[in-house]
Amino acid sequence: MAHGKETPRQKMIGMMYLVLTALLALNVAAEVLNAFSLIDDSLRKSTENTVNKNGDIYTKFEAAYKENESKTKPWKDKADKVRVEATGLVDYIQELKVKIVQTVEGPQGDPTHVEKKDDINVPGQIMITEKENGKQRAEILKEKIDGYREFLIGMVDDPTKNVGIIDGFKSNLSTDDVIGQEGSPVPWIFAHFDQLPLAGVVALMSKMQADIRNAEANMLDYLFTKIDE
């Protein structure tokens, strides 16, 4: 199915993730830390482009709704729910990024301009050691990503005919264990937040936000085609 094919932007983000994880395996030299910031900047720009693209599709839904309310309403309502879920999750990740960076750098800390790139303690402290309502923040985030993924999959009609888009959601929004350097599985929580430099954690969280917006775009494309089906 066409819905299952990765766009050039998604392929680029996937390549960035591979580079990022490779860099995390290296000694944390200044050059590596600066590379994290470059990757983060590219991911944020890509996400901005996706948000703009998604905005155009929402506008098309509005126009279609005005033209034929009864035919468009079921799919527009679903699209509106997708917007709420995606934006809420992206905003939650942004709040976590701000909390982590400002814990390291003070109230003036800005996730888009990380200064103390080499801090490897605070990300794990905020996301794993500390608890929020009795849970690790990383566990809460994992549950939210899992919930978003299942929410999108649940909107797909006739899964047997739309395997491609469902597989895309499962792959791009996966929270499965990550294979570590020694070939053994590492829980998603620790692979993303434990003993990693601040600059790397921020970039990984930007990757999550990019994946969420790309999944939103794929869902919107799917829903829009359903109007005239």
N, C-alpha and C. Protein backbone atom coordinates (compact mmCIF):
# COMPACT_ATOMS: atom_id res chain seq x y z
N MET A 1 0.84 -1.20 0.00
CA MET A 1 0.00 0.00 0.00
C MET A 1 0.88 1.25 0.00
N ALA A 2 0.40 2.29 -0.69
CA ALA A 2 1.19 3.52 -0.75
C ALA A 2 1.38 4.14 0.62
N HIS A 3 0.38 3.93 1.50
CA HIS A 3 0.47 4.54 2.82
C HIS A 3 1.65 4.00 3.62
N GLY A 4 2.17 2.82 3.25
CA GLY A 4 3.24 2.21 4.03
C GLY A 4 4.62 2.68 3.62
N LYS A 5 4.73 3.36 2.48
CA LYS A 5 6.03 3.80 2.00
C LYS A 5 6.51 5.01 2.79
N GLU A 6 7.80 5.02 3.10
CA GLU A 6 8.36 6.16 3.83
C GLU A 6 8.59 7.32 2.87
N THR A 7 8.28 8.51 3.32
CA THR A 7 8.55 9.70 2.54
C THR A 7 10.05 10.01 2.65
N PRO A 8 10.58 10.85 1.74
CA PRO A 8 11.99 11.24 1.86
C PRO A 8 12.31 11.84 3.21
N ARG A 9 11.36 12.61 3.78
CA ARG A 9 11.60 13.22 5.10
C ARG A 9 11.72 12.14 6.17
N GLN A 10 10.86 11.12 6.10
CA GLN A 10 10.92 10.04 7.09
C GLN A 10 12.23 9.26 6.95
N LYS A 11 12.65 9.03 5.71
CA LYS A 11 13.92 8.32 5.49
C LYS A 11 15.08 9.13 6.06
N MET A 12 15.03 10.46 5.88
CA MET A 12 16.09 11.32 6.41
C MET A 12 16.12 11.24 7.94
N ILE A 13 14.95 11.26 8.56
CA ILE A 13 14.89 11.19 10.02
C ILE A 13 15.41 9.84 10.50
N GLY A 14 15.08 8.79 9.75
CA GLY A 14 15.60 7.47 10.11
C GLY A 14 17.12 7.42 10.05
N MET A 15 17.69 8.04 9.02
CA MET A 15 19.15 8.10 8.90
C MET A 15 19.75 8.90 10.04
N MET A 16 19.09 10.00 10.39
CA MET A 16 19.58 10.81 11.52
C MET A 16 19.60 9.99 12.81
N TYR A 17 18.58 9.16 12.98
CA TYR A 17 18.51 8.34 14.19
C TYR A 17 19.67 7.35 14.22
N LEU A 18 19.99 6.75 13.07
CA LEU A 18 21.11 5.82 13.01
C LEU A 18 22.41 6.53 13.35
N VAL A 19 22.59 7.73 12.80
CA VAL A 19 23.79 8.51 13.09
C VAL A 19 23.84 8.86 14.57
N LEU A 20 22.70 9.27 15.10
CA LEU A 20 22.64 9.67 16.50
C LEU A 20 23.00 8.52 17.42
N THR A 21 22.43 7.34 17.19
CA THR A 21 22.73 6.20 18.05
C THR A 21 24.19 5.77 17.90
N ALA A 22 24.74 5.93 16.69
CA ALA A 22 26.16 5.61 16.50
C ALA A 22 27.04 6.57 17.28
N LEU A 23 26.68 7.84 17.26
CA LEU A 23 27.45 8.84 18.00
C LEU A 23 27.38 8.59 19.51
N LEU A 24 26.24 8.12 19.97
CA LEU A 24 26.09 7.85 21.40
C LEU A 24 27.01 6.73 21.88
N ALA A 25 27.44 5.90 20.94
CA ALA A 25 28.32 4.79 21.30
C ALA A 25 29.79 5.23 21.37
N LEU A 26 30.07 6.45 20.91
CA LEU A 26 31.43 6.96 20.91
C LEU A 26 31.74 7.69 22.21
N ASN A 27 33.01 7.94 22.42
CA ASN A 27 33.38 8.78 23.55
C ASN A 27 32.80 10.16 23.35
N VAL A 28 32.38 10.80 24.45
CA VAL A 28 31.68 12.06 24.34
C VAL A 28 32.69 13.20 24.18
N ALA A 29 33.23 13.34 22.99
CA ALA A 29 34.14 14.43 22.69
C ALA A 29 33.33 15.65 22.29
N ALA A 30 33.98 16.80 22.28
CA ALA A 30 33.29 18.05 21.95
C ALA A 30 32.67 17.97 20.56
N GLU A 31 33.38 17.35 19.62
CA GLU A 31 32.87 17.26 18.25
C GLU A 31 31.60 16.44 18.20
N VAL A 32 31.55 15.37 19.00
CA VAL A 32 30.36 14.53 19.03
C VAL A 32 29.19 15.30 19.62
N LEU A 33 29.43 16.03 20.70
CA LEU A 33 28.38 16.81 21.34
C LEU A 33 27.82 17.87 20.38
N ASN A 34 28.70 18.49 19.63
CA ASN A 34 28.25 19.48 18.65
C ASN A 34 27.44 18.81 17.54
N ALA A 35 27.80 17.57 17.20
CA ALA A 35 27.05 16.84 16.17
C ALA A 35 25.62 16.58 16.64
N PHE A 36 25.46 16.30 17.94
CA PHE A 36 24.11 16.11 18.48
C PHE A 36 23.26 17.35 18.24
N SER A 37 23.86 18.51 18.48
CA SER A 37 23.12 19.76 18.31
C SER A 37 22.74 19.99 16.85
N LEU A 38 23.62 19.63 15.94
CA LEU A 38 23.31 19.77 14.52
C LEU A 38 22.16 18.86 14.11
N ILE A 39 22.19 17.63 14.63
CA ILE A 39 21.11 16.68 14.33
C ILE A 39 19.80 17.19 14.90
N ASP A 40 19.86 17.71 16.13
CA ASP A 40 18.65 18.23 16.77
C ASP A 40 18.07 19.38 15.95
N ASP A 41 18.93 20.26 15.47
CA ASP A 41 18.46 21.39 14.68
C ASP A 41 17.77 20.92 13.40
N SER A 42 18.35 19.91 12.74
CA SER A 42 17.74 19.38 11.52
C SER A 42 16.40 18.72 11.80
N LEU A 43 16.33 17.99 12.92
CA LEU A 43 15.08 17.33 13.28
C LEU A 43 13.98 18.35 13.56
N ARG A 44 14.32 19.42 14.25
CA ARG A 44 13.32 20.44 14.57
C ARG A 44 12.82 21.13 13.30
N LYS A 45 13.73 21.39 12.37
CA LYS A 45 13.31 22.01 11.11
C LYS A 45 12.41 21.08 10.31
N SER A 46 12.75 19.79 10.32
CA SER A 46 11.92 18.82 9.62
C SER A 46 10.53 18.76 10.24
N THR A 47 10.48 18.81 11.57
CA THR A 47 9.18 18.78 12.25
C THR A 47 8.36 20.01 11.91
N GLU A 48 9.00 21.16 11.85
CA GLU A 48 8.28 22.39 11.48
C GLU A 48 7.67 22.26 10.09
N ASN A 49 8.42 21.67 9.16
CA ASN A 49 7.90 21.48 7.80
C ASN A 49 6.70 20.54 7.80
N THR A 50 6.78 19.49 8.63
CA THR A 50 5.66 18.55 8.70
C THR A 50 4.43 19.21 9.31
N VAL A 51 4.64 20.04 10.33
CA VAL A 51 3.52 20.77 10.95
C VAL A 51 2.84 21.66 9.91
N ASN A 52 3.63 22.32 9.09
CA ASN A 52 3.05 23.18 8.04
C ASN A 52 2.27 22.35 7.03
N LYS A 53 2.82 21.20 6.66
CA LYS A 53 2.12 20.31 5.72
C LYS A 53 0.80 19.83 6.34
N ASN A 54 0.85 19.45 7.60
CA ASN A 54 -0.36 18.99 8.26
C ASN A 54 -1.40 20.10 8.35
N GLY A 55 -0.92 21.33 8.55
CA GLY A 55 -1.84 22.46 8.59
C GLY A 55 -2.59 22.62 7.28
N ASP A 56 -1.89 22.38 6.18
CA ASP A 56 -2.53 22.46 4.87
C ASP A 56 -3.63 21.40 4.72
N ILE A 57 -3.36 20.21 5.25
CA ILE A 57 -4.36 19.14 5.13
C ILE A 57 -5.58 19.46 6.00
N TYR A 58 -5.36 20.01 7.19
CA TYR A 58 -6.49 20.40 8.03
C TYR A 58 -7.34 21.47 7.34
N THR A 59 -6.67 22.36 6.61
CA THR A 59 -7.40 23.38 5.85
C THR A 59 -8.24 22.73 4.76
N LYS A 60 -7.71 21.69 4.12
CA LYS A 60 -8.46 20.98 3.10
C LYS A 60 -9.68 20.28 3.70
N PHE A 61 -9.51 19.76 4.91
CA PHE A 61 -10.66 19.15 5.58
C PHE A 61 -11.76 20.19 5.82
N GLU A 62 -11.36 21.39 6.23
CA GLU A 62 -12.33 22.46 6.48
C GLU A 62 -13.08 22.81 5.19
N ALA A 63 -12.34 22.90 4.09
CA ALA A 63 -12.95 23.24 2.82
C ALA A 63 -13.91 22.14 2.36
N ALA A 64 -13.49 20.89 2.53
CA ALA A 64 -14.34 19.76 2.13
C ALA A 64 -15.60 19.71 3.00
N TYR A 65 -15.45 20.07 4.26
CA TYR A 65 -16.59 20.06 5.18
C TYR A 65 -17.63 21.10 4.77
N LYS A 66 -17.16 22.28 4.36
CA LYS A 66 -18.08 23.32 3.90
C LYS A 66 -18.79 22.92 2.62
N GLU A 67 -18.10 22.15 1.79
CA GLU A 67 -18.66 21.74 0.52
C GLU A 67 -19.68 20.61 0.68
N ASN A 68 -19.36 19.67 1.57
CA ASN A 68 -20.27 18.54 1.78
C ASN A 68 -20.11 18.06 3.22
N GLU A 69 -20.93 18.61 4.10
CA GLU A 69 -20.81 18.34 5.53
C GLU A 69 -21.03 16.87 5.86
N SER A 70 -22.09 16.28 5.34
CA SER A 70 -22.44 14.92 5.72
C SER A 70 -21.37 13.91 5.30
N LYS A 71 -20.80 14.11 4.13
CA LYS A 71 -19.79 13.18 3.64
C LYS A 71 -18.45 13.35 4.36
N THR A 72 -18.13 14.58 4.74
CA THR A 72 -16.82 14.89 5.30
C THR A 72 -16.76 14.73 6.82
N LYS A 73 -17.87 14.97 7.49
CA LYS A 73 -17.86 15.06 8.95
C LYS A 73 -17.22 13.87 9.67
N PRO A 74 -17.55 12.63 9.33
CA PRO A 74 -16.94 11.50 10.06
C PRO A 74 -15.42 11.51 10.00
N TRP A 75 -14.87 11.88 8.84
CA TRP A 75 -13.42 11.86 8.67
C TRP A 75 -12.77 13.11 9.24
N LYS A 76 -13.45 14.24 9.14
CA LYS A 76 -12.94 15.47 9.74
C LYS A 76 -12.90 15.33 11.27
N ASP A 77 -13.93 14.72 11.84
CA ASP A 77 -13.95 14.52 13.28
C ASP A 77 -12.76 13.68 13.73
N LYS A 78 -12.45 12.65 12.96
CA LYS A 78 -11.29 11.81 13.28
C LYS A 78 -9.99 12.60 13.14
N ALA A 79 -9.92 13.41 12.08
CA ALA A 79 -8.72 14.22 11.87
C ALA A 79 -8.53 15.20 13.03
N ASP A 80 -9.60 15.78 13.51
CA ASP A 80 -9.51 16.72 14.63
C ASP A 80 -9.01 16.01 15.89
N LYS A 81 -9.42 14.76 16.08
CA LYS A 81 -8.95 13.99 17.24
C LYS A 81 -7.45 13.70 17.11
N VAL A 82 -7.02 13.41 15.88
CA VAL A 82 -5.60 13.15 15.64
C VAL A 82 -4.79 14.39 15.99
N ARG A 83 -5.28 15.56 15.58
CA ARG A 83 -4.56 16.81 15.87
C ARG A 83 -4.40 17.00 17.39
N VAL A 84 -5.47 16.75 18.13
CA VAL A 84 -5.42 16.92 19.58
C VAL A 84 -4.41 15.96 20.21
N GLU A 85 -4.47 14.70 19.80
CA GLU A 85 -3.57 13.69 20.38
C GLU A 85 -2.11 13.97 20.04
N ALA A 86 -1.85 14.29 18.77
CA ALA A 86 -0.47 14.53 18.34
C ALA A 86 0.11 15.77 19.03
N THR A 87 -0.66 16.85 19.05
CA THR A 87 -0.18 18.09 19.65
C THR A 87 0.04 17.92 21.15
N GLY A 88 -0.87 17.20 21.81
CA GLY A 88 -0.71 16.98 23.24
C GLY A 88 0.55 16.21 23.57
N LEU A 89 0.88 15.20 22.77
CA LEU A 89 2.07 14.40 23.02
C LEU A 89 3.34 15.18 22.70
N VAL A 90 3.33 15.91 21.60
CA VAL A 90 4.50 16.73 21.24
C VAL A 90 4.75 17.78 22.33
N ASP A 91 3.69 18.39 22.81
CA ASP A 91 3.83 19.41 23.87
C ASP A 91 4.36 18.80 25.16
N TYR A 92 3.91 17.60 25.48
CA TYR A 92 4.39 16.93 26.70
C TYR A 92 5.89 16.67 26.61
N ILE A 93 6.35 16.20 25.45
CA ILE A 93 7.79 15.96 25.27
C ILE A 93 8.56 17.27 25.37
N GLN A 94 7.99 18.35 24.82
CA GLN A 94 8.65 19.64 24.90
C GLN A 94 8.78 20.10 26.35
N GLU A 95 7.74 19.88 27.14
CA GLU A 95 7.80 20.25 28.56
C GLU A 95 8.91 19.47 29.27
N LEU A 96 9.06 18.20 28.93
CA LEU A 96 10.12 17.39 29.54
C LEU A 96 11.49 17.90 29.11
N LYS A 97 11.64 18.26 27.85
CA LYS A 97 12.92 18.79 27.36
C LYS A 97 13.29 20.06 28.13
N VAL A 98 12.32 20.94 28.29
CA VAL A 98 12.57 22.19 29.00
C VAL A 98 12.96 21.89 30.45
N LYS A 99 12.25 20.98 31.09
CA LYS A 99 12.54 20.64 32.49
C LYS A 99 13.96 20.10 32.63
N ILE A 100 14.34 19.20 31.73
CA ILE A 100 15.68 18.61 31.80
C ILE A 100 16.75 19.68 31.61
N VAL A 101 16.60 20.48 30.55
CA VAL A 101 17.62 21.48 30.24
C VAL A 101 17.70 22.55 31.33
N GLN A 102 16.57 22.99 31.82
CA GLN A 102 16.59 24.04 32.84
C GLN A 102 17.07 23.52 34.19
N THR A 103 16.92 22.24 34.44
CA THR A 103 17.50 21.65 35.65
C THR A 103 19.02 21.69 35.57
N VAL A 104 19.55 21.53 34.39
CA VAL A 104 21.00 21.58 34.19
C VAL A 104 21.51 23.02 34.14
N GLU A 105 20.83 23.87 33.39
CA GLU A 105 21.36 25.19 33.08
C GLU A 105 20.68 26.34 33.80
N GLY A 106 19.63 26.07 34.55
CA GLY A 106 18.92 27.14 35.23
C GLY A 106 17.73 27.64 34.42
N PRO A 107 17.00 28.61 34.96
CA PRO A 107 15.77 29.11 34.32
C PRO A 107 15.97 29.61 32.90
N GLN A 108 17.20 30.01 32.56
CA GLN A 108 17.47 30.53 31.23
C GLN A 108 17.72 29.42 30.22
N GLY A 109 17.74 28.18 30.66
CA GLY A 109 18.04 27.05 29.77
C GLY A 109 17.05 26.95 28.63
N ASP A 110 17.57 26.67 27.44
CA ASP A 110 16.75 26.61 26.23
C ASP A 110 17.11 25.34 25.46
N PRO A 111 16.16 24.41 25.27
CA PRO A 111 16.46 23.16 24.56
C PRO A 111 16.97 23.35 23.14
N THR A 112 16.69 24.51 22.55
CA THR A 112 17.17 24.75 21.18
C THR A 112 18.60 25.28 21.15
N HIS A 113 19.14 25.64 22.32
CA HIS A 113 20.52 26.13 22.41
C HIS A 113 21.15 25.57 23.68
N VAL A 114 21.40 24.26 23.69
CA VAL A 114 21.96 23.60 24.86
C VAL A 114 23.42 24.02 25.04
N GLU A 115 23.75 24.46 26.23
CA GLU A 115 25.12 24.90 26.52
C GLU A 115 25.93 23.77 27.18
N LYS A 116 25.39 23.17 28.23
CA LYS A 116 26.10 22.11 28.95
C LYS A 116 25.77 20.76 28.33
N LYS A 117 26.29 20.58 27.14
CA LYS A 117 25.93 19.42 26.34
C LYS A 117 26.37 18.09 26.95
N ASP A 118 27.39 18.11 27.81
CA ASP A 118 27.98 16.86 28.26
C ASP A 118 27.40 16.30 29.56
N ASP A 119 26.41 16.95 30.14
CA ASP A 119 25.84 16.44 31.39
C ASP A 119 25.18 15.09 31.14
N ILE A 120 25.60 14.07 31.88
CA ILE A 120 25.04 12.73 31.69
C ILE A 120 24.20 12.27 32.89
N ASN A 121 24.03 13.13 33.86
CA ASN A 121 23.33 12.74 35.08
C ASN A 121 21.88 13.20 35.15
N VAL A 122 21.64 14.45 34.78
CA VAL A 122 20.32 15.03 34.96
C VAL A 122 19.24 14.37 34.11
N PRO A 123 19.48 14.06 32.83
CA PRO A 123 18.41 13.40 32.06
C PRO A 123 17.89 12.14 32.73
N GLY A 124 18.80 11.30 33.22
CA GLY A 124 18.39 10.09 33.92
C GLY A 124 17.70 10.39 35.24
N GLN A 125 18.18 11.44 35.91
CA GLN A 125 17.57 11.85 37.18
C GLN A 125 16.11 12.25 36.98
N ILE A 126 15.88 13.11 35.98
CA ILE A 126 14.53 13.63 35.73
C ILE A 126 13.61 12.54 35.19
N MET A 127 14.11 11.73 34.27
CA MET A 127 13.25 10.80 33.54
C MET A 127 13.14 9.42 34.20
N ILE A 128 14.16 9.01 34.97
CA ILE A 128 14.15 7.65 35.52
C ILE A 128 14.12 7.64 37.04
N THR A 129 15.00 8.39 37.67
CA THR A 129 15.11 8.34 39.13
C THR A 129 13.92 8.99 39.82
N GLU A 130 13.60 10.21 39.41
CA GLU A 130 12.48 10.92 40.02
C GLU A 130 11.16 10.30 39.57
N LYS A 131 10.15 10.47 40.41
CA LYS A 131 8.82 9.93 40.10
C LYS A 131 7.80 11.06 39.97
N GLU A 132 6.83 10.85 39.11
CA GLU A 132 5.71 11.78 38.95
C GLU A 132 4.43 10.96 39.10
N ASN A 133 3.68 11.26 40.14
CA ASN A 133 2.49 10.47 40.46
C ASN A 133 2.83 8.99 40.60
N GLY A 134 4.00 8.73 41.21
CA GLY A 134 4.40 7.36 41.49
C GLY A 134 5.03 6.62 40.34
N LYS A 135 5.23 7.29 39.19
CA LYS A 135 5.82 6.63 38.02
C LYS A 135 7.02 7.39 37.51
N GLN A 136 7.94 6.67 36.90
CA GLN A 136 9.05 7.33 36.20
C GLN A 136 8.49 8.14 35.04
N ARG A 137 9.03 9.33 34.85
CA ARG A 137 8.56 10.14 33.72
C ARG A 137 8.80 9.42 32.39
N ALA A 138 9.91 8.69 32.31
CA ALA A 138 10.20 7.95 31.08
C ALA A 138 9.15 6.87 30.84
N GLU A 139 8.66 6.25 31.90
CA GLU A 139 7.62 5.25 31.77
C GLU A 139 6.31 5.89 31.34
N ILE A 140 6.02 7.07 31.89
CA ILE A 140 4.81 7.80 31.49
C ILE A 140 4.89 8.16 30.01
N LEU A 141 6.06 8.64 29.59
CA LEU A 141 6.24 9.00 28.18
C LEU A 141 6.08 7.77 27.29
N LYS A 142 6.67 6.67 27.69
CA LYS A 142 6.55 5.42 26.92
C LYS A 142 5.08 5.02 26.77
N GLU A 143 4.34 5.12 27.85
CA GLU A 143 2.91 4.76 27.81
C GLU A 143 2.14 5.70 26.88
N LYS A 144 2.50 6.97 26.89
CA LYS A 144 1.82 7.94 26.02
C LYS A 144 2.11 7.65 24.55
N ILE A 145 3.35 7.31 24.24
CA ILE A 145 3.70 6.97 22.85
C ILE A 145 2.98 5.69 22.44
N ASP A 146 2.96 4.70 23.33
CA ASP A 146 2.23 3.46 23.04
C ASP A 146 0.75 3.75 22.79
N GLY A 147 0.17 4.62 23.64
CA GLY A 147 -1.23 4.96 23.49
C GLY A 147 -1.53 5.68 22.19
N TYR A 148 -0.63 6.57 21.80
CA TYR A 148 -0.79 7.31 20.54
C TYR A 148 -0.73 6.36 19.35
N ARG A 149 0.24 5.44 19.41
CA ARG A 149 0.38 4.46 18.32
C ARG A 149 -0.89 3.62 18.18
N GLU A 150 -1.40 3.11 19.30
CA GLU A 150 -2.59 2.27 19.24
C GLU A 150 -3.83 3.07 18.85
N PHE A 151 -3.86 4.34 19.25
CA PHE A 151 -4.95 5.23 18.85
C PHE A 151 -5.00 5.37 17.33
N LEU A 152 -3.84 5.58 16.70
CA LEU A 152 -3.80 5.72 15.25
C LEU A 152 -4.16 4.41 14.56
N ILE A 153 -3.61 3.31 15.06
CA ILE A 153 -3.91 2.01 14.45
C ILE A 153 -5.41 1.71 14.54
N GLY A 154 -6.02 2.10 15.65
CA GLY A 154 -7.44 1.85 15.84
C GLY A 154 -8.33 2.63 14.90
N MET A 155 -7.78 3.68 14.26
CA MET A 155 -8.57 4.48 13.33
C MET A 155 -8.55 3.92 11.91
N VAL A 156 -7.69 2.94 11.67
CA VAL A 156 -7.55 2.39 10.32
C VAL A 156 -8.64 1.35 10.06
N ASP A 157 -9.44 1.59 9.03
CA ASP A 157 -10.47 0.63 8.64
C ASP A 157 -9.84 -0.58 7.96
N ASP A 158 -10.41 -1.74 8.19
CA ASP A 158 -10.00 -2.97 7.51
C ASP A 158 -8.47 -3.13 7.52
N PRO A 159 -7.90 -3.45 8.68
CA PRO A 159 -6.44 -3.57 8.81
C PRO A 159 -5.79 -4.50 7.80
N THR A 160 -6.52 -5.53 7.35
CA THR A 160 -5.92 -6.46 6.39
C THR A 160 -5.63 -5.81 5.05
N LYS A 161 -6.34 -4.71 4.75
CA LYS A 161 -6.12 -4.00 3.49
C LYS A 161 -5.19 -2.81 3.67
N ASN A 162 -4.83 -2.53 4.89
CA ASN A 162 -3.99 -1.35 5.16
C ASN A 162 -2.80 -1.71 6.04
N VAL A 163 -2.19 -2.84 5.70
CA VAL A 163 -1.06 -3.33 6.49
C VAL A 163 0.10 -2.33 6.47
N GLY A 164 0.29 -1.68 5.32
CA GLY A 164 1.43 -0.78 5.18
C GLY A 164 1.42 0.35 6.18
N ILE A 165 0.29 1.06 6.29
CA ILE A 165 0.23 2.21 7.19
C ILE A 165 0.32 1.75 8.65
N ILE A 166 -0.27 0.60 8.96
CA ILE A 166 -0.20 0.08 10.33
C ILE A 166 1.23 -0.31 10.68
N ASP A 167 1.91 -0.98 9.78
CA ASP A 167 3.31 -1.34 10.02
C ASP A 167 4.17 -0.10 10.21
N GLY A 168 3.83 0.97 9.46
CA GLY A 168 4.57 2.22 9.60
C GLY A 168 4.42 2.81 11.00
N PHE A 169 3.20 2.78 11.52
CA PHE A 169 2.96 3.28 12.87
C PHE A 169 3.72 2.44 13.90
N LYS A 170 3.69 1.12 13.71
CA LYS A 170 4.36 0.23 14.66
C LYS A 170 5.87 0.45 14.66
N SER A 171 6.41 0.68 13.48
CA SER A 171 7.86 0.85 13.36
C SER A 171 8.32 2.22 13.86
N ASN A 172 7.67 3.29 13.38
CA ASN A 172 8.13 4.64 13.70
C ASN A 172 7.79 5.07 15.12
N LEU A 173 6.81 4.42 15.73
CA LEU A 173 6.43 4.77 17.10
C LEU A 173 6.71 3.61 18.05
N SER A 174 7.71 2.84 17.73
CA SER A 174 8.06 1.67 18.55
C SER A 174 8.72 2.09 19.86
N THR A 175 8.37 1.39 20.93
CA THR A 175 9.05 1.57 22.21
C THR A 175 9.63 0.23 22.67
N ASP A 176 9.95 -0.61 21.71
CA ASP A 176 10.55 -1.91 22.01
C ASP A 176 11.96 -1.73 22.57
N ASP A 177 12.48 -2.80 23.14
CA ASP A 177 13.86 -2.78 23.61
C ASP A 177 14.79 -2.46 22.44
N VAL A 178 15.92 -1.85 22.77
CA VAL A 178 16.93 -1.49 21.76
C VAL A 178 18.12 -2.43 21.92
N ILE A 179 18.67 -2.89 20.83
CA ILE A 179 19.85 -3.77 20.90
C ILE A 179 21.06 -2.93 21.27
N GLY A 180 21.72 -3.29 22.38
CA GLY A 180 22.87 -2.54 22.86
C GLY A 180 24.14 -2.90 22.14
N GLN A 181 25.25 -2.28 22.58
CA GLN A 181 26.54 -2.48 21.93
C GLN A 181 26.99 -3.94 21.98
N GLU A 182 26.63 -4.63 23.05
CA GLU A 182 27.06 -6.02 23.20
C GLU A 182 26.05 -7.01 22.62
N GLY A 183 25.05 -6.48 21.92
CA GLY A 183 24.08 -7.35 21.29
C GLY A 183 22.93 -7.77 22.17
N SER A 184 22.91 -7.31 23.40
CA SER A 184 21.83 -7.67 24.31
C SER A 184 20.77 -6.57 24.32
N PRO A 185 19.50 -6.92 24.58
CA PRO A 185 18.44 -5.91 24.57
C PRO A 185 18.54 -4.95 25.75
N VAL A 186 18.29 -3.68 25.46
CA VAL A 186 18.28 -2.63 26.48
C VAL A 186 16.88 -2.02 26.49
N PRO A 187 16.22 -1.96 27.66
CA PRO A 187 14.88 -1.37 27.70
C PRO A 187 14.87 0.03 27.09
N TRP A 188 13.80 0.35 26.38
CA TRP A 188 13.65 1.64 25.70
C TRP A 188 13.95 2.81 26.64
N ILE A 189 13.47 2.72 27.86
CA ILE A 189 13.65 3.81 28.82
C ILE A 189 15.13 4.09 29.06
N PHE A 190 15.90 3.05 29.30
CA PHE A 190 17.32 3.24 29.59
C PHE A 190 18.11 3.60 28.33
N ALA A 191 17.69 3.06 27.19
CA ALA A 191 18.39 3.36 25.94
C ALA A 191 18.28 4.82 25.56
N HIS A 192 17.24 5.50 26.04
CA HIS A 192 17.02 6.89 25.65
C HIS A 192 17.38 7.92 26.71
N PHE A 193 17.55 7.48 27.97
CA PHE A 193 17.74 8.48 29.02
C PHE A 193 18.84 8.18 30.04
N ASP A 194 19.33 6.96 30.10
CA ASP A 194 20.27 6.59 31.15
C ASP A 194 21.72 6.84 30.74
N GLN A 195 22.40 7.70 31.49
CA GLN A 195 23.84 7.96 31.29
C GLN A 195 24.16 8.40 29.86
N LEU A 196 23.27 9.20 29.29
CA LEU A 196 23.51 9.77 27.96
C LEU A 196 23.72 11.27 28.11
N PRO A 197 24.56 11.87 27.26
CA PRO A 197 24.79 13.31 27.35
C PRO A 197 23.53 14.11 27.05
N LEU A 198 23.40 15.24 27.71
CA LEU A 198 22.22 16.08 27.56
C LEU A 198 21.90 16.37 26.10
N ALA A 199 22.91 16.72 25.32
CA ALA A 199 22.69 17.06 23.91
C ALA A 199 22.10 15.88 23.15
N GLY A 200 22.55 14.66 23.48
CA GLY A 200 22.04 13.48 22.82
C GLY A 200 20.60 13.18 23.21
N VAL A 201 20.27 13.37 24.48
CA VAL A 201 18.90 13.13 24.95
C VAL A 201 17.94 14.11 24.30
N VAL A 202 18.33 15.37 24.22
CA VAL A 202 17.47 16.38 23.59
C VAL A 202 17.22 16.01 22.13
N ALA A 203 18.26 15.56 21.44
CA ALA A 203 18.10 15.18 20.03
C ALA A 203 17.18 13.96 19.89
N LEU A 204 17.33 12.99 20.79
CA LEU A 204 16.46 11.82 20.75
C LEU A 204 15.00 12.21 20.98
N MET A 205 14.77 13.16 21.87
CA MET A 205 13.40 13.60 22.13
C MET A 205 12.84 14.39 20.95
N SER A 206 13.70 15.13 20.25
CA SER A 206 13.27 15.81 19.03
C SER A 206 12.91 14.78 17.96
N LYS A 207 13.64 13.67 17.93
CA LYS A 207 13.32 12.57 17.01
C LYS A 207 11.93 12.02 17.31
N MET A 208 11.61 11.87 18.60
CA MET A 208 10.27 11.40 18.98
C MET A 208 9.20 12.36 18.45
N GLN A 209 9.44 13.66 18.63
CA GLN A 209 8.47 14.65 18.17
C GLN A 209 8.31 14.60 16.66
N ALA A 210 9.41 14.41 15.95
CA ALA A 210 9.34 14.32 14.49
C ALA A 210 8.53 13.09 14.06
N ASP A 211 8.75 11.98 14.75
CA ASP A 211 8.01 10.75 14.41
C ASP A 211 6.51 10.91 14.68
N ILE A 212 6.18 11.59 15.75
CA ILE A 212 4.77 11.82 16.09
C ILE A 212 4.09 12.65 15.02
N ARG A 213 4.75 13.71 14.57
CA ARG A 213 4.17 14.56 13.53
C ARG A 213 4.10 13.84 12.19
N ASN A 214 5.09 13.01 11.87
CA ASN A 214 5.04 12.25 10.62
C ASN A 214 3.91 11.22 10.64
N ALA A 215 3.71 10.60 11.80
CA ALA A 215 2.59 9.65 11.93
C ALA A 215 1.27 10.38 11.77
N GLU A 216 1.19 11.59 12.32
CA GLU A 216 -0.01 12.43 12.15
C GLU A 216 -0.24 12.69 10.66
N ALA A 217 0.82 13.04 9.93
CA ALA A 217 0.70 13.32 8.50
C ALA A 217 0.20 12.11 7.74
N ASN A 218 0.73 10.93 8.05
CA ASN A 218 0.30 9.72 7.37
C ASN A 218 -1.16 9.41 7.65
N MET A 219 -1.57 9.64 8.90
CA MET A 219 -2.96 9.39 9.27
C MET A 219 -3.88 10.36 8.55
N LEU A 220 -3.49 11.61 8.45
CA LEU A 220 -4.31 12.62 7.78
C LEU A 220 -4.46 12.30 6.30
N ASP A 221 -3.37 11.89 5.67
CA ASP A 221 -3.44 11.51 4.26
C ASP A 221 -4.44 10.38 4.07
N TYR A 222 -4.37 9.40 4.96
CA TYR A 222 -5.28 8.26 4.89
C TYR A 222 -6.73 8.70 5.07
N LEU A 223 -6.99 9.51 6.10
CA LEU A 223 -8.35 9.94 6.39
C LEU A 223 -8.93 10.80 5.25
N PHE A 224 -8.09 11.63 4.66
CA PHE A 224 -8.58 12.51 3.60
C PHE A 224 -9.01 11.71 2.37
N THR A 225 -8.27 10.63 2.09
CA THR A 225 -8.66 9.82 0.93
C THR A 225 -9.98 9.10 1.17
N LYS A 226 -10.36 8.93 2.43
CA LYS A 226 -11.59 8.21 2.75
C LYS A 226 -12.85 9.05 2.43
N ILE A 227 -12.68 10.36 2.33
CA ILE A 227 -13.85 11.22 2.08
C ILE A 227 -14.52 10.84 0.76
N ASP A 228 -13.75 10.63 -0.28
CA ASP A 228 -14.32 10.35 -1.60
C ASP A 228 -14.34 8.86 -1.93
N GLU A 229 -13.99 8.03 -0.94
CA GLU A 229 -13.94 6.59 -1.24
C GLU A 229 -15.34 6.04 -1.43
